């Protein structure tokens, strides 16, 4: 249902690693000078934190009352998931810290941009969920003549 949120989180987690791999020097460079990418434990920490954040969002969205607007619901869900979001941001920052200095500003901006889009993604997910659970419209009965 809210796979897009988890997908967005995984994209956020992968962004710095992808940037690292795309900017890596040619294979002919000496191995000692070519970083192999972020350490696996940093990637695993981002994935675990992203999974916890996504799970929190998914659980929170299920509890948003129908009377609440999707935007207000997204704000409430994010407030309830603040510790998971903070853990994700911390893990992402630690991963970004393993990148070469020249790549860090781009990775920082990508992380900020993707995290800034999360409230809108949650609101869209709430709308989508409500649309999927709404009963199908039945045609109005034709008056008998």
C-alpha atoms as a PDB file:
ATOM      1  CA  UNK A   1       0.000   0.000   0.000  1.00  0.00           C
ATOM      2  CA  UNK A   2       2.643   2.507   0.977  1.00  0.00           C
ATOM      3  CA  UNK A   3       5.458   0.813  -0.840  1.00  0.00           C
ATOM      4  CA  UNK A   4       6.358   4.176  -2.317  1.00  0.00           C
ATOM      5  CA  UNK A   5       7.509   5.398   1.112  1.00  0.00           C
ATOM      6  CA  UNK A   6       9.724   2.396   1.655  1.00  0.00           C
ATOM      7  CA  UNK A   7      10.964   2.730  -1.905  1.00  0.00           C
ATOM      8  CA  UNK A   8      11.753   6.396  -1.333  1.00  0.00           C
ATOM      9  CA  UNK A   9      13.668   5.512   1.817  1.00  0.00           C
ATOM     10  CA  UNK A  10      15.655   2.849   0.000  1.00  0.00           C
ATOM     11  CA  UNK A  11      16.415   5.339  -2.781  1.00  0.00           C
ATOM     12  CA  UNK A  12      17.589   7.770  -0.131  1.00  0.00           C
ATOM     13  CA  UNK A  13      19.810   5.091   1.310  1.00  0.00           C
ATOM     14  CA  UNK A  14      21.219   4.163  -2.084  1.00  0.00           C
ATOM     15  CA  UNK A  15      21.810   7.709  -3.351  1.00  0.00           C
ATOM     16  CA  UNK A  16      25.193   8.315  -1.686  1.00  0.00           C
ATOM     17  CA  UNK A  17      26.395   4.832  -2.610  1.00  0.00           C
ATOM     18  CA  UNK A  18      25.342   5.339  -6.219  1.00  0.00           C
ATOM     19  CA  UNK A  19      27.067   8.720  -6.307  1.00  0.00           C
ATOM     20  CA  UNK A  20      30.188   7.053  -4.928  1.00  0.00           C
ATOM     21  CA  UNK A  21      30.173   4.324  -7.564  1.00  0.00           C
ATOM     22  CA  UNK A  22      29.497   6.704 -10.469  1.00  0.00           C
ATOM     23  CA  UNK A  23      32.318   9.022  -9.493  1.00  0.00           C
ATOM     24  CA  UNK A  24      34.845   6.268  -8.819  1.00  0.00           C
ATOM     25  CA  UNK A  25      38.066   6.490 -10.826  1.00  0.00           C
ATOM     26  CA  UNK A  26      38.778   4.124 -13.685  1.00  0.00           C
ATOM     27  CA  UNK A  27      39.666   0.542 -12.718  1.00  0.00           C
ATOM     28  CA  UNK A  28      43.275   1.138 -13.749  1.00  0.00           C
ATOM     29  CA  UNK A  29      43.828   3.317 -10.648  1.00  0.00           C
ATOM     30  CA  UNK A  30      45.704   1.622  -7.817  1.00  0.00           C
ATOM     31  CA  UNK A  31      43.381  -0.242  -5.442  1.00  0.00           C
ATOM     32  CA  UNK A  32      44.826   1.510  -2.390  1.00  0.00           C
ATOM     33  CA  UNK A  33      43.686   4.898  -3.723  1.00  0.00           C
ATOM     34  CA  UNK A  34      40.250   3.770  -4.942  1.00  0.00           C
ATOM     35  CA  UNK A  35      37.675   3.514  -2.179  1.00  0.00           C
ATOM     36  CA  UNK A  36      35.415   0.494  -2.571  1.00  0.00           C
ATOM     37  CA  UNK A  37      32.389   2.569  -1.606  1.00  0.00           C
ATOM     38  CA  UNK A  38      30.738   3.084   1.730  1.00  0.00           C
ATOM     39  CA  UNK A  39      31.445   0.404   4.328  1.00  0.00           C
ATOM     40  CA  UNK A  40      28.869  -2.402   4.316  1.00  0.00           C
ATOM     41  CA  UNK A  41      28.001  -1.670   7.952  1.00  0.00           C
ATOM     42  CA  UNK A  42      27.079   1.934   7.052  1.00  0.00           C
ATOM     43  CA  UNK A  43      24.851   0.712   4.230  1.00  0.00           C
ATOM     44  CA  UNK A  44      23.278  -1.899   6.517  1.00  0.00           C
ATOM     45  CA  UNK A  45      22.607   0.775   9.164  1.00  0.00           C
ATOM     46  CA  UNK A  46      20.821   2.974   6.612  1.00  0.00           C
ATOM     47  CA  UNK A  47      18.790   0.029   5.344  1.00  0.00           C
ATOM     48  CA  UNK A  48      17.766  -1.011   8.870  1.00  0.00           C
ATOM     49  CA  UNK A  49      16.844   2.550   9.858  1.00  0.00           C
ATOM     50  CA  UNK A  50      14.983   3.051   6.568  1.00  0.00           C
ATOM     51  CA  UNK A  51      13.045  -0.145   7.108  1.00  0.00           C
ATOM     52  CA  UNK A  52      12.071   0.889  10.657  1.00  0.00           C
ATOM     53  CA  UNK A  53      11.014   4.335   9.428  1.00  0.00           C
ATOM     54  CA  UNK A  54       8.983   2.855   6.570  1.00  0.00           C
ATOM     55  CA  UNK A  55       7.310   0.377   8.920  1.00  0.00           C
ATOM     56  CA  UNK A  56       6.415   3.187  11.332  1.00  0.00           C
ATOM     57  CA  UNK A  57       4.941   5.249   8.507  1.00  0.00           C
ATOM     58  CA  UNK A  58       2.929   2.312   7.213  1.00  0.00           C
ATOM     59  CA  UNK A  59       1.538   1.575  10.675  1.00  0.00           C
ATOM     60  CA  UNK A  60       0.801   5.245  11.310  1.00  0.00           C
ATOM     61  CA  UNK A  61      -1.022   5.733   8.028  1.00  0.00           C
ATOM     62  CA  UNK A  62      -3.366   2.864   8.855  1.00  0.00           C
ATOM     63  CA  UNK A  63      -4.470   4.769  11.971  1.00  0.00           C
ATOM     64  CA  UNK A  64      -5.247   8.104  10.290  1.00  0.00           C
ATOM     65  CA  UNK A  65      -8.964   8.838  10.797  1.00  0.00           C
ATOM     66  CA  UNK A  66     -11.033   9.468   7.674  1.00  0.00           C
ATOM     67  CA  UNK A  67     -12.058  12.898   8.984  1.00  0.00           C
ATOM     68  CA  UNK A  68      -8.432  14.103   8.913  1.00  0.00           C
ATOM     69  CA  UNK A  69      -7.026  15.609   5.721  1.00  0.00           C
ATOM     70  CA  UNK A  70      -4.209  13.619   4.097  1.00  0.00           C
ATOM     71  CA  UNK A  71      -1.777  16.476   4.775  1.00  0.00           C
ATOM     72  CA  UNK A  72      -2.699  16.674   8.470  1.00  0.00           C
ATOM     73  CA  UNK A  73      -2.521  12.895   8.650  1.00  0.00           C
ATOM     74  CA  UNK A  74       0.962  12.939   7.140  1.00  0.00           C
ATOM     75  CA  UNK A  75       2.074  15.519   9.712  1.00  0.00           C
ATOM     76  CA  UNK A  76       0.696  13.388  12.539  1.00  0.00           C
ATOM     77  CA  UNK A  77       2.299  10.212  11.191  1.00  0.00           C
ATOM     78  CA  UNK A  78       5.679  11.925  10.826  1.00  0.00           C
ATOM     79  CA  UNK A  79       5.440  13.285  14.369  1.00  0.00           C
ATOM     80  CA  UNK A  80       4.812   9.749  15.604  1.00  0.00           C
ATOM     81  CA  UNK A  81       7.795   8.452  13.645  1.00  0.00           C
ATOM     82  CA  UNK A  82      10.236  11.193  14.651  1.00  0.00           C
ATOM     83  CA  UNK A  83      12.645   8.871  16.457  1.00  0.00           C
ATOM     84  CA  UNK A  84      12.787   6.510  13.461  1.00  0.00           C
ATOM     85  CA  UNK A  85      13.278   9.450  11.108  1.00  0.00           C
ATOM     86  CA  UNK A  86      16.080  10.791  13.295  1.00  0.00           C
ATOM     87  CA  UNK A  87      17.739   7.369  13.323  1.00  0.00           C
ATOM     88  CA  UNK A  88      17.528   7.277   9.517  1.00  0.00           C
ATOM     89  CA  UNK A  89      18.959  10.775   9.163  1.00  0.00           C
ATOM     90  CA  UNK A  90      21.795   9.875  11.539  1.00  0.00           C
ATOM     91  CA  UNK A  91      22.580   6.695   9.593  1.00  0.00           C
ATOM     92  CA  UNK A  92      22.485   8.582   6.273  1.00  0.00           C
ATOM     93  CA  UNK A  93      24.806  11.273   7.634  1.00  0.00           C
ATOM     94  CA  UNK A  94      27.226   8.601   8.858  1.00  0.00           C
ATOM     95  CA  UNK A  95      27.183   6.975   5.417  1.00  0.00           C
ATOM     96  CA  UNK A  96      27.705  10.336   3.698  1.00  0.00           C
ATOM     97  CA  UNK A  97      30.652  10.901   6.032  1.00  0.00           C
ATOM     98  CA  UNK A  98      32.375   7.903   4.449  1.00  0.00           C
ATOM     99  CA  UNK A  99      32.232   9.457   0.970  1.00  0.00           C
ATOM    100  CA  UNK A 100      35.095  11.447  -0.515  1.00  0.00           C
ATOM    101  CA  UNK A 101      34.913  15.110   0.517  1.00  0.00           C
ATOM    102  CA  UNK A 102      34.072  16.274  -3.018  1.00  0.00           C
ATOM    103  CA  UNK A 103      30.958  14.073  -3.157  1.00  0.00           C
ATOM    104  CA  UNK A 104      29.515  14.976   0.234  1.00  0.00           C
ATOM    105  CA  UNK A 105      27.742  18.238  -0.719  1.00  0.00           C
ATOM    106  CA  UNK A 106      25.854  16.523  -3.544  1.00  0.00           C
ATOM    107  CA  UNK A 107      24.915  13.598  -1.296  1.00  0.00           C
ATOM    108  CA  UNK A 108      23.815  16.022   1.458  1.00  0.00           C
ATOM    109  CA  UNK A 109      21.576  17.879  -0.979  1.00  0.00           C
ATOM    110  CA  UNK A 110      20.068  14.661  -2.322  1.00  0.00           C
ATOM    111  CA  UNK A 111      19.344  13.450   1.215  1.00  0.00           C
ATOM    112  CA  UNK A 112      17.723  16.781   2.164  1.00  0.00           C
ATOM    113  CA  UNK A 113      15.674  16.850  -1.015  1.00  0.00           C
ATOM    114  CA  UNK A 114      14.405  13.298  -0.646  1.00  0.00           C
ATOM    115  CA  UNK A 115      13.551  13.705   3.041  1.00  0.00           C
ATOM    116  CA  UNK A 116      11.722  16.949   2.260  1.00  0.00           C
ATOM    117  CA  UNK A 117       9.455  15.034  -0.121  1.00  0.00           C
ATOM    118  CA  UNK A 118       8.376  12.447   2.457  1.00  0.00           C
ATOM    119  CA  UNK A 119       5.360  14.406   3.846  1.00  0.00           C
ATOM    120  CA  UNK A 120       3.870  14.811   0.370  1.00  0.00           C
ATOM    121  CA  UNK A 121       4.476  11.118  -0.370  1.00  0.00           C
ATOM    122  CA  UNK A 122       2.711  10.127   2.841  1.00  0.00           C
ATOM    123  CA  UNK A 123      -0.231  12.438   2.088  1.00  0.00           C
ATOM    124  CA  UNK A 124      -0.480  10.961  -1.422  1.00  0.00           C
ATOM    125  CA  UNK A 125      -0.398   7.470   0.076  1.00  0.00           C
ATOM    126  CA  UNK A 126      -3.224   8.345   2.453  1.00  0.00           C
ATOM    127  CA  UNK A 127      -5.270   9.672  -0.457  1.00  0.00           C
ATOM    128  CA  UNK A 128      -4.503   6.589  -2.503  1.00  0.00           C
ATOM    129  CA  UNK A 129      -5.450   4.299   0.387  1.00  0.00           C
ATOM    130  CA  UNK A 130      -8.726   6.143   0.884  1.00  0.00           C
ATOM    131  CA  UNK A 131      -9.499   5.963  -2.812  1.00  0.00           C
ATOM    132  CA  UNK A 132      -8.853   2.232  -2.864  1.00  0.00           C
ATOM    133  CA  UNK A 133     -11.111   1.602   0.132  1.00  0.00           C
ATOM    134  CA  UNK A 134     -13.971   3.824  -1.060  1.00  0.00           C
ATOM    135  CA  UNK A 135     -16.992   1.869  -2.258  1.00  0.00           C
ATOM    136  CA  UNK A 136     -17.554   1.854  -5.978  1.00  0.00           C
ATOM    137  CA  UNK A 137     -20.086   4.427  -7.102  1.00  0.00           C
ATOM    138  CA  UNK A 138     -23.389   2.893  -8.014  1.00  0.00           C
ATOM    139  CA  UNK A 139     -25.422   4.395 -10.825  1.00  0.00           C
ATOM    140  CA  UNK A 140     -28.452   6.341  -9.677  1.00  0.00           C
ATOM    141  CA  UNK A 141     -31.699   4.485 -10.039  1.00  0.00           C
ATOM    142  CA  UNK A 142     -33.806   5.621 -12.979  1.00  0.00           C
ATOM    143  CA  UNK A 143     -37.197   6.810 -11.900  1.00  0.00           C
ATOM    144  CA  UNK A 144     -40.010   4.520 -13.024  1.00  0.00           C
ATOM    145  CA  UNK A 145     -42.418   5.996 -15.547  1.00  0.00           C
END
